[in-house]
């Protein structure tokens, strides 16, 4: 005779006749069956077959109406269906919607793309891109300068062609029938119809329907429109950091408790160079917290 501990759930293996008997029980009592099996304890003095027969007898003796299934009201189902549709629509909108920027002024516009790449949009240009930039692709009309972090492939689409990079600094000027590309750092691949040209740092090319022209060696580190060019005379530190933050797309937090003023000129496309000029002349220091925040003190 096999006995089980009084504090453990019985390990019960029914015979063929018992299984047939069990299957005849109405499905409406399934919940009671599970609850009874979980809570049932087999006394150590009772054999398993006898215990199983006793359990079936107790289940069959339950009144037919003792279990009332819960049914969701019709209005709740309708509300749940509407909510599911709204969630789906909003999710699709967030994924596939795009942001469009048009520079109608005379000054450049500096942007931080969703992947934290930086872009400078020249006057008269426009750009559009997905809100989450899932495929790292932007559509450009006009002239734009890009600083792309290393990562997945980044593409700039123009009316006349495209540029593909894997982490670099470059300028694109896209027109309807021509495209100009200059690489300032890293490598880029310019695609115009069936023509593909790879450019390294300092190289530039202008592609049109009838001609592919290699441009002279680029000696400047940045295109003219992507350089921060400003003269200051006794300007407050807050005004200078505000201008730098807007141009380079960063937040500059001034931790200094003193009122400071800056006089001097800046002509650079590098945020670090601009910060060196500013903090060096004022005998201050700066610290780059991340791509978007700078602290000076």
C-alpha atoms as a PDB file:
ATOM      1  CA  UNK A   1       0.000   0.000   0.000  1.00  0.00           C
ATOM      2  CA  UNK A   2       1.372   3.451  -0.988  1.00  0.00           C
ATOM      3  CA  UNK A   3       0.709   6.292   1.427  1.00  0.00           C
ATOM      4  CA  UNK A   4       1.170  10.035   0.990  1.00  0.00           C
ATOM      5  CA  UNK A   5       2.139  12.668   3.565  1.00  0.00           C
ATOM      6  CA  UNK A   6      -0.826  14.449   5.060  1.00  0.00           C
ATOM      7  CA  UNK A   7       0.660  17.886   4.203  1.00  0.00           C
ATOM      8  CA  UNK A   8       1.220  17.236   0.475  1.00  0.00           C
ATOM      9  CA  UNK A   9      -1.179  17.131  -2.469  1.00  0.00           C
ATOM     10  CA  UNK A  10      -1.932  13.534  -3.490  1.00  0.00           C
ATOM     11  CA  UNK A  11      -0.245  12.254  -6.650  1.00  0.00           C
ATOM     12  CA  UNK A  12      -3.338  10.638  -8.197  1.00  0.00           C
ATOM     13  CA  UNK A  13      -3.332   8.531 -11.377  1.00  0.00           C
ATOM     14  CA  UNK A  14      -6.909   7.424 -12.289  1.00  0.00           C
ATOM     15  CA  UNK A  15      -7.811   4.121 -13.920  1.00  0.00           C
ATOM     16  CA  UNK A  16      -9.552   3.917 -17.298  1.00  0.00           C
ATOM     17  CA  UNK A  17     -13.032   3.576 -15.735  1.00  0.00           C
ATOM     18  CA  UNK A  18     -12.365   6.473 -13.421  1.00  0.00           C
ATOM     19  CA  UNK A  19     -11.207   8.698 -16.284  1.00  0.00           C
ATOM     20  CA  UNK A  20     -14.416   7.900 -18.182  1.00  0.00           C
ATOM     21  CA  UNK A  21     -16.422   8.763 -15.132  1.00  0.00           C
ATOM     22  CA  UNK A  22     -14.527  12.010 -14.690  1.00  0.00           C
ATOM     23  CA  UNK A  23     -15.065  13.085 -18.319  1.00  0.00           C
ATOM     24  CA  UNK A  24     -18.819  12.770 -17.871  1.00  0.00           C
ATOM     25  CA  UNK A  25     -18.823  15.581 -15.346  1.00  0.00           C
ATOM     26  CA  UNK A  26     -20.327  18.784 -16.738  1.00  0.00           C
ATOM     27  CA  UNK A  27     -17.851  21.410 -17.908  1.00  0.00           C
ATOM     28  CA  UNK A  28     -19.627  23.987 -15.796  1.00  0.00           C
ATOM     29  CA  UNK A  29     -17.879  22.456 -12.737  1.00  0.00           C
ATOM     30  CA  UNK A  30     -14.320  22.789 -14.064  1.00  0.00           C
ATOM     31  CA  UNK A  31     -13.525  25.550 -11.686  1.00  0.00           C
ATOM     32  CA  UNK A  32     -14.745  23.517  -8.748  1.00  0.00           C
ATOM     33  CA  UNK A  33     -12.682  20.548  -9.879  1.00  0.00           C
ATOM     34  CA  UNK A  34      -9.497  22.589  -9.980  1.00  0.00           C
ATOM     35  CA  UNK A  35     -10.208  24.161  -6.627  1.00  0.00           C
ATOM     36  CA  UNK A  36     -11.026  20.820  -5.035  1.00  0.00           C
ATOM     37  CA  UNK A  37      -7.899  19.170  -6.383  1.00  0.00           C
ATOM     38  CA  UNK A  38      -5.719  21.997  -5.140  1.00  0.00           C
ATOM     39  CA  UNK A  39      -7.176  21.964  -1.662  1.00  0.00           C
ATOM     40  CA  UNK A  40      -7.837  18.244  -1.239  1.00  0.00           C
ATOM     41  CA  UNK A  41      -5.568  16.312   1.095  1.00  0.00           C
ATOM     42  CA  UNK A  42      -5.406  12.527   1.168  1.00  0.00           C
ATOM     43  CA  UNK A  43      -5.272  11.043   4.675  1.00  0.00           C
ATOM     44  CA  UNK A  44      -2.347   8.709   5.178  1.00  0.00           C
ATOM     45  CA  UNK A  45      -4.691   5.803   6.018  1.00  0.00           C
ATOM     46  CA  UNK A  46      -6.669   5.928   2.740  1.00  0.00           C
ATOM     47  CA  UNK A  47      -5.607   4.323  -0.522  1.00  0.00           C
ATOM     48  CA  UNK A  48      -5.412   6.479  -3.661  1.00  0.00           C
ATOM     49  CA  UNK A  49      -8.252   4.694  -5.525  1.00  0.00           C
ATOM     50  CA  UNK A  50     -10.631   5.143  -2.638  1.00  0.00           C
ATOM     51  CA  UNK A  51      -9.597   8.773  -2.259  1.00  0.00           C
ATOM     52  CA  UNK A  52     -10.232   9.460  -5.948  1.00  0.00           C
ATOM     53  CA  UNK A  53     -13.699   7.863  -5.847  1.00  0.00           C
ATOM     54  CA  UNK A  54     -14.526   9.961  -2.805  1.00  0.00           C
ATOM     55  CA  UNK A  55     -13.406  13.106  -4.617  1.00  0.00           C
ATOM     56  CA  UNK A  56     -15.620  12.358  -7.633  1.00  0.00           C
ATOM     57  CA  UNK A  57     -18.606  11.764  -5.372  1.00  0.00           C
ATOM     58  CA  UNK A  58     -18.132  15.127  -3.726  1.00  0.00           C
ATOM     59  CA  UNK A  59     -17.891  16.900  -7.099  1.00  0.00           C
ATOM     60  CA  UNK A  60     -21.054  15.222  -8.469  1.00  0.00           C
ATOM     61  CA  UNK A  61     -22.989  16.196  -5.343  1.00  0.00           C
ATOM     62  CA  UNK A  62     -22.491  19.919  -6.039  1.00  0.00           C
ATOM     63  CA  UNK A  63     -25.754  21.678  -7.080  1.00  0.00           C
ATOM     64  CA  UNK A  64     -25.974  22.499 -10.785  1.00  0.00           C
ATOM     65  CA  UNK A  65     -26.445  26.227 -10.248  1.00  0.00           C
ATOM     66  CA  UNK A  66     -23.709  26.716  -7.685  1.00  0.00           C
ATOM     67  CA  UNK A  67     -21.320  28.217 -10.252  1.00  0.00           C
ATOM     68  CA  UNK A  68     -22.363  31.321 -12.178  1.00  0.00           C
ATOM     69  CA  UNK A  69     -19.956  32.345 -14.937  1.00  0.00           C
ATOM     70  CA  UNK A  70     -19.135  36.067 -15.190  1.00  0.00           C
ATOM     71  CA  UNK A  71     -20.231  37.693 -18.439  1.00  0.00           C
ATOM     72  CA  UNK A  72     -18.963  41.114 -19.485  1.00  0.00           C
ATOM     73  CA  UNK A  73     -21.816  43.499 -20.291  1.00  0.00           C
ATOM     74  CA  UNK A  74     -22.203  44.563 -23.900  1.00  0.00           C
ATOM     75  CA  UNK A  75     -21.238  48.186 -23.259  1.00  0.00           C
ATOM     76  CA  UNK A  76     -17.932  47.110 -21.703  1.00  0.00           C
ATOM     77  CA  UNK A  77     -17.046  45.093 -24.802  1.00  0.00           C
ATOM     78  CA  UNK A  78     -17.848  48.067 -27.037  1.00  0.00           C
ATOM     79  CA  UNK A  79     -15.736  50.435 -24.937  1.00  0.00           C
ATOM     80  CA  UNK A  80     -12.826  47.973 -24.958  1.00  0.00           C
ATOM     81  CA  UNK A  81     -13.069  47.653 -28.740  1.00  0.00           C
ATOM     82  CA  UNK A  82     -13.057  51.423 -29.244  1.00  0.00           C
ATOM     83  CA  UNK A  83     -10.092  51.810 -26.887  1.00  0.00           C
ATOM     84  CA  UNK A  84      -8.140  49.152 -28.784  1.00  0.00           C
ATOM     85  CA  UNK A  85      -8.778  50.940 -32.085  1.00  0.00           C
ATOM     86  CA  UNK A  86      -7.684  54.290 -30.630  1.00  0.00           C
ATOM     87  CA  UNK A  87      -4.481  52.795 -29.240  1.00  0.00           C
ATOM     88  CA  UNK A  88      -3.689  51.240 -32.633  1.00  0.00           C
ATOM     89  CA  UNK A  89      -4.324  54.499 -34.500  1.00  0.00           C
ATOM     90  CA  UNK A  90      -2.189  56.548 -32.098  1.00  0.00           C
ATOM     91  CA  UNK A  91       0.635  53.992 -32.239  1.00  0.00           C
ATOM     92  CA  UNK A  92       0.642  54.018 -36.045  1.00  0.00           C
ATOM     93  CA  UNK A  93       0.593  57.817 -36.095  1.00  0.00           C
ATOM     94  CA  UNK A  94       3.575  58.033 -33.741  1.00  0.00           C
ATOM     95  CA  UNK A  95       5.558  55.519 -35.796  1.00  0.00           C
ATOM     96  CA  UNK A  96       4.812  56.798 -39.305  1.00  0.00           C
ATOM     97  CA  UNK A  97       4.207  60.536 -38.799  1.00  0.00           C
ATOM     98  CA  UNK A  98       6.933  62.940 -39.837  1.00  0.00           C
ATOM     99  CA  UNK A  99       8.216  66.354 -38.878  1.00  0.00           C
ATOM    100  CA  UNK A 100       8.795  69.020 -41.509  1.00  0.00           C
ATOM    101  CA  UNK A 101      11.000  72.082 -41.112  1.00  0.00           C
ATOM    102  CA  UNK A 102      11.214  74.903 -43.656  1.00  0.00           C
ATOM    103  CA  UNK A 103      13.739  77.694 -43.263  1.00  0.00           C
ATOM    104  CA  UNK A 104      12.030  80.755 -44.695  1.00  0.00           C
ATOM    105  CA  UNK A 105      14.373  83.221 -42.973  1.00  0.00           C
ATOM    106  CA  UNK A 106      17.837  84.478 -43.757  1.00  0.00           C
ATOM    107  CA  UNK A 107      19.590  82.750 -40.859  1.00  0.00           C
ATOM    108  CA  UNK A 108      20.432  79.066 -40.574  1.00  0.00           C
ATOM    109  CA  UNK A 109      18.411  76.687 -38.404  1.00  0.00           C
ATOM    110  CA  UNK A 110      20.205  74.156 -36.217  1.00  0.00           C
ATOM    111  CA  UNK A 111      18.383  70.902 -35.458  1.00  0.00           C
ATOM    112  CA  UNK A 112      18.913  67.830 -33.313  1.00  0.00           C
ATOM    113  CA  UNK A 113      17.418  64.829 -35.079  1.00  0.00           C
ATOM    114  CA  UNK A 114      15.731  62.044 -33.058  1.00  0.00           C
ATOM    115  CA  UNK A 115      18.908  59.920 -33.182  1.00  0.00           C
ATOM    116  CA  UNK A 116      20.879  62.932 -31.804  1.00  0.00           C
ATOM    117  CA  UNK A 117      22.573  63.649 -35.130  1.00  0.00           C
ATOM    118  CA  UNK A 118      23.020  67.380 -35.716  1.00  0.00           C
ATOM    119  CA  UNK A 119      21.883  69.250 -38.799  1.00  0.00           C
ATOM    120  CA  UNK A 120      22.275  72.845 -39.955  1.00  0.00           C
ATOM    121  CA  UNK A 121      19.643  73.874 -42.505  1.00  0.00           C
ATOM    122  CA  UNK A 122      20.613  76.772 -44.767  1.00  0.00           C
ATOM    123  CA  UNK A 123      18.228  79.595 -45.667  1.00  0.00           C
ATOM    124  CA  UNK A 124      15.535  78.559 -48.134  1.00  0.00           C
ATOM    125  CA  UNK A 125      15.953  74.853 -47.415  1.00  0.00           C
ATOM    126  CA  UNK A 126      13.483  72.338 -46.028  1.00  0.00           C
ATOM    127  CA  UNK A 127      13.802  68.931 -44.403  1.00  0.00           C
ATOM    128  CA  UNK A 128      11.405  66.210 -43.301  1.00  0.00           C
ATOM    129  CA  UNK A 129      12.001  63.076 -41.235  1.00  0.00           C
ATOM    130  CA  UNK A 130      10.169  60.537 -39.121  1.00  0.00           C
ATOM    131  CA  UNK A 131       9.503  61.525 -35.527  1.00  0.00           C
ATOM    132  CA  UNK A 132      11.532  58.555 -34.318  1.00  0.00           C
ATOM    133  CA  UNK A 133      13.898  58.365 -37.329  1.00  0.00           C
ATOM    134  CA  UNK A 134      13.568  54.571 -37.261  1.00  0.00           C
ATOM    135  CA  UNK A 135      15.449  54.138 -40.539  1.00  0.00           C
ATOM    136  CA  UNK A 136      17.809  57.120 -40.073  1.00  0.00           C
ATOM    137  CA  UNK A 137      16.596  58.724 -43.282  1.00  0.00           C
ATOM    138  CA  UNK A 138      15.797  62.381 -43.976  1.00  0.00           C
ATOM    139  CA  UNK A 139      14.414  64.138 -47.051  1.00  0.00           C
ATOM    140  CA  UNK A 140      16.215  67.360 -47.936  1.00  0.00           C
ATOM    141  CA  UNK A 141      15.488  70.169 -50.362  1.00  0.00           C
ATOM    142  CA  UNK A 142      18.189  72.800 -50.495  1.00  0.00           C
ATOM    143  CA  UNK A 143      21.424  72.895 -48.558  1.00  0.00           C
ATOM    144  CA  UNK A 144      22.146  71.106 -45.295  1.00  0.00           C
ATOM    145  CA  UNK A 145      25.144  70.210 -43.158  1.00  0.00           C
ATOM    146  CA  UNK A 146      25.106  66.997 -41.095  1.00  0.00           C
ATOM    147  CA  UNK A 147      27.088  65.629 -38.161  1.00  0.00           C
ATOM    148  CA  UNK A 148      26.141  61.965 -37.864  1.00  0.00           C
ATOM    149  CA  UNK A 149      27.171  59.735 -34.977  1.00  0.00           C
ATOM    150  CA  UNK A 150      28.467  56.268 -35.702  1.00  0.00           C
ATOM    151  CA  UNK A 151      25.795  53.610 -35.896  1.00  0.00           C
ATOM    152  CA  UNK A 152      23.377  52.295 -38.458  1.00  0.00           C
ATOM    153  CA  UNK A 153      23.324  53.624 -41.992  1.00  0.00           C
ATOM    154  CA  UNK A 154      22.149  57.243 -42.336  1.00  0.00           C
ATOM    155  CA  UNK A 155      20.617  58.470 -45.606  1.00  0.00           C
ATOM    156  CA  UNK A 156      19.849  61.922 -46.972  1.00  0.00           C
ATOM    157  CA  UNK A 157      17.373  61.894 -49.862  1.00  0.00           C
ATOM    158  CA  UNK A 158      17.282  64.854 -52.273  1.00  0.00           C
ATOM    159  CA  UNK A 159      15.122  65.446 -55.372  1.00  0.00           C
ATOM    160  CA  UNK A 160      18.053  64.407 -57.555  1.00  0.00           C
ATOM    161  CA  UNK A 161      19.851  61.707 -55.553  1.00  0.00           C
ATOM    162  CA  UNK A 162      20.919  60.496 -52.127  1.00  0.00           C
ATOM    163  CA  UNK A 163      23.880  60.329 -49.752  1.00  0.00           C
ATOM    164  CA  UNK A 164      24.665  57.366 -47.486  1.00  0.00           C
ATOM    165  CA  UNK A 165      26.993  57.470 -44.490  1.00  0.00           C
ATOM    166  CA  UNK A 166      27.984  55.459 -41.420  1.00  0.00           C
ATOM    167  CA  UNK A 167      29.165  58.288 -39.168  1.00  0.00           C
ATOM    168  CA  UNK A 168      30.704  61.440 -40.561  1.00  0.00           C
ATOM    169  CA  UNK A 169      30.397  65.156 -41.240  1.00  0.00           C
ATOM    170  CA  UNK A 170      29.238  66.255 -44.670  1.00  0.00           C
ATOM    171  CA  UNK A 171      27.309  68.854 -46.663  1.00  0.00           C
ATOM    172  CA  UNK A 172      24.594  68.205 -49.226  1.00  0.00           C
ATOM    173  CA  UNK A 173      23.110  70.697 -51.662  1.00  0.00           C
ATOM    174  CA  UNK A 174      20.261  68.995 -53.480  1.00  0.00           C
ATOM    175  CA  UNK A 175      18.509  70.527 -56.466  1.00  0.00           C
ATOM    176  CA  UNK A 176      16.017  69.044 -58.904  1.00  0.00           C
ATOM    177  CA  UNK A 177      18.560  68.243 -61.601  1.00  0.00           C
ATOM    178  CA  UNK A 178      21.872  68.284 -59.727  1.00  0.00           C
ATOM    179  CA  UNK A 179      23.459  67.451 -56.390  1.00  0.00           C
ATOM    180  CA  UNK A 180      26.588  68.680 -54.655  1.00  0.00           C
ATOM    181  CA  UNK A 181      28.234  66.720 -51.842  1.00  0.00           C
ATOM    182  CA  UNK A 182      31.299  67.577 -49.744  1.00  0.00           C
ATOM    183  CA  UNK A 183      32.739  65.233 -47.115  1.00  0.00           C
ATOM    184  CA  UNK A 184      34.483  66.862 -44.152  1.00  0.00           C
ATOM    185  CA  UNK A 185      35.114  63.773 -42.036  1.00  0.00           C
ATOM    186  CA  UNK A 186      34.788  60.023 -42.539  1.00  0.00           C
ATOM    187  CA  UNK A 187      33.382  58.721 -45.811  1.00  0.00           C
ATOM    188  CA  UNK A 188      30.163  59.193 -47.759  1.00  0.00           C
ATOM    189  CA  UNK A 189      28.624  57.622 -50.846  1.00  0.00           C
ATOM    190  CA  UNK A 190      26.807  59.895 -53.276  1.00  0.00           C
ATOM    191  CA  UNK A 191      24.123  58.216 -55.404  1.00  0.00           C
ATOM    192  CA  UNK A 192      22.748  59.991 -58.483  1.00  0.00           C
ATOM    193  CA  UNK A 193      20.551  57.865 -60.732  1.00  0.00           C
ATOM    194  CA  UNK A 194      22.869  55.008 -61.802  1.00  0.00           C
ATOM    195  CA  UNK A 195      26.038  56.781 -60.660  1.00  0.00           C
ATOM    196  CA  UNK A 196      27.652  55.985 -57.279  1.00  0.00           C
ATOM    197  CA  UNK A 197      30.695  57.844 -55.985  1.00  0.00           C
ATOM    198  CA  UNK A 198      32.498  57.396 -52.660  1.00  0.00           C
ATOM    199  CA  UNK A 199      34.095  60.447 -51.079  1.00  0.00           C
ATOM    200  CA  UNK A 200      36.644  60.670 -48.273  1.00  0.00           C
ATOM    201  CA  UNK A 201      37.399  63.666 -46.057  1.00  0.00           C
ATOM    202  CA  UNK A 202      38.230  66.796 -48.051  1.00  0.00           C
ATOM    203  CA  UNK A 203      36.659  65.486 -51.260  1.00  0.00           C
ATOM    204  CA  UNK A 204      33.654  66.945 -53.032  1.00  0.00           C
ATOM    205  CA  UNK A 205      31.624  66.267 -56.144  1.00  0.00           C
ATOM    206  CA  UNK A 206      28.885  67.880 -58.183  1.00  0.00           C
ATOM    207  CA  UNK A 207      26.655  65.530 -60.144  1.00  0.00           C
ATOM    208  CA  UNK A 208      24.135  66.498 -62.817  1.00  0.00           C
ATOM    209  CA  UNK A 209      22.323  64.697 -65.594  1.00  0.00           C
ATOM    210  CA  UNK A 210      25.063  65.476 -68.097  1.00  0.00           C
ATOM    211  CA  UNK A 211      28.201  65.745 -66.010  1.00  0.00           C
ATOM    212  CA  UNK A 212      30.097  64.488 -62.961  1.00  0.00           C
ATOM    213  CA  UNK A 213      32.518  67.119 -61.728  1.00  0.00           C
ATOM    214  CA  UNK A 214      35.105  66.550 -59.010  1.00  0.00           C
ATOM    215  CA  UNK A 215      35.457  69.654 -56.880  1.00  0.00           C
ATOM    216  CA  UNK A 216      38.772  71.118 -55.675  1.00  0.00           C
ATOM    217  CA  UNK A 217      40.213  69.850 -52.412  1.00  0.00           C
ATOM    218  CA  UNK A 218      38.171  71.196 -49.501  1.00  0.00           C
ATOM    219  CA  UNK A 219      40.527  72.826 -47.013  1.00  0.00           C
ATOM    220  CA  UNK A 220      37.940  74.166 -44.599  1.00  0.00           C
ATOM    221  CA  UNK A 221      36.722  71.975 -41.774  1.00  0.00           C
ATOM    222  CA  UNK A 222      33.146  73.255 -42.061  1.00  0.00           C
ATOM    223  CA  UNK A 223      31.000  74.867 -44.760  1.00  0.00           C
ATOM    224  CA  UNK A 224      30.580  78.622 -44.373  1.00  0.00           C
ATOM    225  CA  UNK A 225      26.883  78.486 -43.455  1.00  0.00           C
ATOM    226  CA  UNK A 226      27.552  75.929 -40.672  1.00  0.00           C
ATOM    227  CA  UNK A 227      30.066  78.120 -38.856  1.00  0.00           C
ATOM    228  CA  UNK A 228      29.189  80.154 -35.774  1.00  0.00           C
ATOM    229  CA  UNK A 229      30.280  83.667 -36.733  1.00  0.00           C
ATOM    230  CA  UNK A 230      29.572  86.385 -34.195  1.00  0.00           C
ATOM    231  CA  UNK A 231      31.310  89.432 -32.735  1.00  0.00           C
ATOM    232  CA  UNK A 232      30.576  90.354 -29.124  1.00  0.00           C
ATOM    233  CA  UNK A 233      31.290  93.535 -27.210  1.00  0.00           C
ATOM    234  CA  UNK A 234      30.717  93.386 -23.485  1.00  0.00           C
ATOM    235  CA  UNK A 235      27.932  90.825 -23.958  1.00  0.00           C
ATOM    236  CA  UNK A 236      26.565  89.043 -20.912  1.00  0.00           C
ATOM    237  CA  UNK A 237      27.572  85.430 -20.462  1.00  0.00           C
ATOM    238  CA  UNK A 238      23.912  84.424 -20.578  1.00  0.00           C
ATOM    239  CA  UNK A 239      23.459  85.960 -24.037  1.00  0.00           C
ATOM    240  CA  UNK A 240      26.553  84.248 -25.420  1.00  0.00           C
ATOM    241  CA  UNK A 241      25.658  80.814 -24.048  1.00  0.00           C
ATOM    242  CA  UNK A 242      22.119  81.290 -25.343  1.00  0.00           C
ATOM    243  CA  UNK A 243      23.427  81.940 -28.870  1.00  0.00           C
ATOM    244  CA  UNK A 244      25.776  78.960 -28.724  1.00  0.00           C
ATOM    245  CA  UNK A 245      23.074  76.663 -27.380  1.00  0.00           C
ATOM    246  CA  UNK A 246      20.662  77.646 -30.132  1.00  0.00           C
ATOM    247  CA  UNK A 247      23.208  77.259 -32.929  1.00  0.00           C
ATOM    248  CA  UNK A 248      24.669  73.935 -31.799  1.00  0.00           C
ATOM    249  CA  UNK A 249      21.422  72.478 -30.487  1.00  0.00           C
ATOM    250  CA  UNK A 250      22.550  72.006 -26.881  1.00  0.00           C
ATOM    251  CA  UNK A 251      21.661  73.218 -23.398  1.00  0.00           C
ATOM    252  CA  UNK A 252      24.404  75.211 -21.653  1.00  0.00           C
ATOM    253  CA  UNK A 253      24.013  75.456 -17.890  1.00  0.00           C
ATOM    254  CA  UNK A 254      25.917  78.351 -16.313  1.00  0.00           C
ATOM    255  CA  UNK A 255      26.845  77.389 -12.733  1.00  0.00           C
ATOM    256  CA  UNK A 256      28.842  80.556 -12.089  1.00  0.00           C
ATOM    257  CA  UNK A 257      27.521  82.827  -9.347  1.00  0.00           C
ATOM    258  CA  UNK A 258      29.272  85.913 -10.752  1.00  0.00           C
ATOM    259  CA  UNK A 259      28.013  88.276 -13.413  1.00  0.00           C
ATOM    260  CA  UNK A 260      30.370  87.934 -16.378  1.00  0.00           C
ATOM    261  CA  UNK A 261      30.701  89.675 -19.737  1.00  0.00           C
ATOM    262  CA  UNK A 262      32.436  88.589 -22.934  1.00  0.00           C
ATOM    263  CA  UNK A 263      34.082  90.596 -25.693  1.00  0.00           C
ATOM    264  CA  UNK A 264      35.562  88.857 -28.702  1.00  0.00           C
ATOM    265  CA  UNK A 265      34.914  87.116 -32.018  1.00  0.00           C
ATOM    266  CA  UNK A 266      34.007  83.538 -32.840  1.00  0.00           C
ATOM    267  CA  UNK A 267      34.207  81.860 -36.228  1.00  0.00           C
ATOM    268  CA  UNK A 268      34.007  78.089 -35.889  1.00  0.00           C
ATOM    269  CA  UNK A 269      31.795  75.132 -36.627  1.00  0.00           C
ATOM    270  CA  UNK A 270      32.999  73.265 -33.543  1.00  0.00           C
ATOM    271  CA  UNK A 271      31.129  73.579 -30.256  1.00  0.00           C
ATOM    272  CA  UNK A 272      34.248  72.588 -28.311  1.00  0.00           C
ATOM    273  CA  UNK A 273      36.281  75.341 -29.969  1.00  0.00           C
ATOM    274  CA  UNK A 274      33.619  77.927 -29.178  1.00  0.00           C
ATOM    275  CA  UNK A 275      33.522  76.793 -25.549  1.00  0.00           C
ATOM    276  CA  UNK A 276      37.317  76.969 -25.311  1.00  0.00           C
ATOM    277  CA  UNK A 277      37.262  80.556 -26.583  1.00  0.00           C
ATOM    278  CA  UNK A 278      34.479  81.592 -24.215  1.00  0.00           C
ATOM    279  CA  UNK A 279      35.619  79.895 -21.012  1.00  0.00           C
ATOM    280  CA  UNK A 280      39.315  80.559 -21.649  1.00  0.00           C
ATOM    281  CA  UNK A 281      38.823  84.302 -21.955  1.00  0.00           C
ATOM    282  CA  UNK A 282      36.660  84.395 -18.812  1.00  0.00           C
ATOM    283  CA  UNK A 283      38.923  82.042 -16.830  1.00  0.00           C
ATOM    284  CA  UNK A 284      36.177  79.463 -16.503  1.00  0.00           C
ATOM    285  CA  UNK A 285      35.850  75.753 -17.219  1.00  0.00           C
ATOM    286  CA  UNK A 286      33.307  73.636 -19.034  1.00  0.00           C
ATOM    287  CA  UNK A 287      32.191  70.029 -18.828  1.00  0.00           C
ATOM    288  CA  UNK A 288      30.273  68.073 -21.476  1.00  0.00           C
ATOM    289  CA  UNK A 289      27.606  66.055 -19.664  1.00  0.00           C
ATOM    290  CA  UNK A 290      26.211  64.446 -22.831  1.00  0.00           C
ATOM    291  CA  UNK A 291      25.438  65.341 -26.426  1.00  0.00           C
ATOM    292  CA  UNK A 292      22.738  67.756 -25.318  1.00  0.00           C
ATOM    293  CA  UNK A 293      24.018  69.374 -22.123  1.00  0.00           C
ATOM    294  CA  UNK A 294      27.096  71.434 -21.226  1.00  0.00           C
ATOM    295  CA  UNK A 295      28.011  72.826 -17.806  1.00  0.00           C
ATOM    296  CA  UNK A 296      30.257  75.864 -17.390  1.00  0.00           C
ATOM    297  CA  UNK A 297      31.579  77.012 -14.012  1.00  0.00           C
END
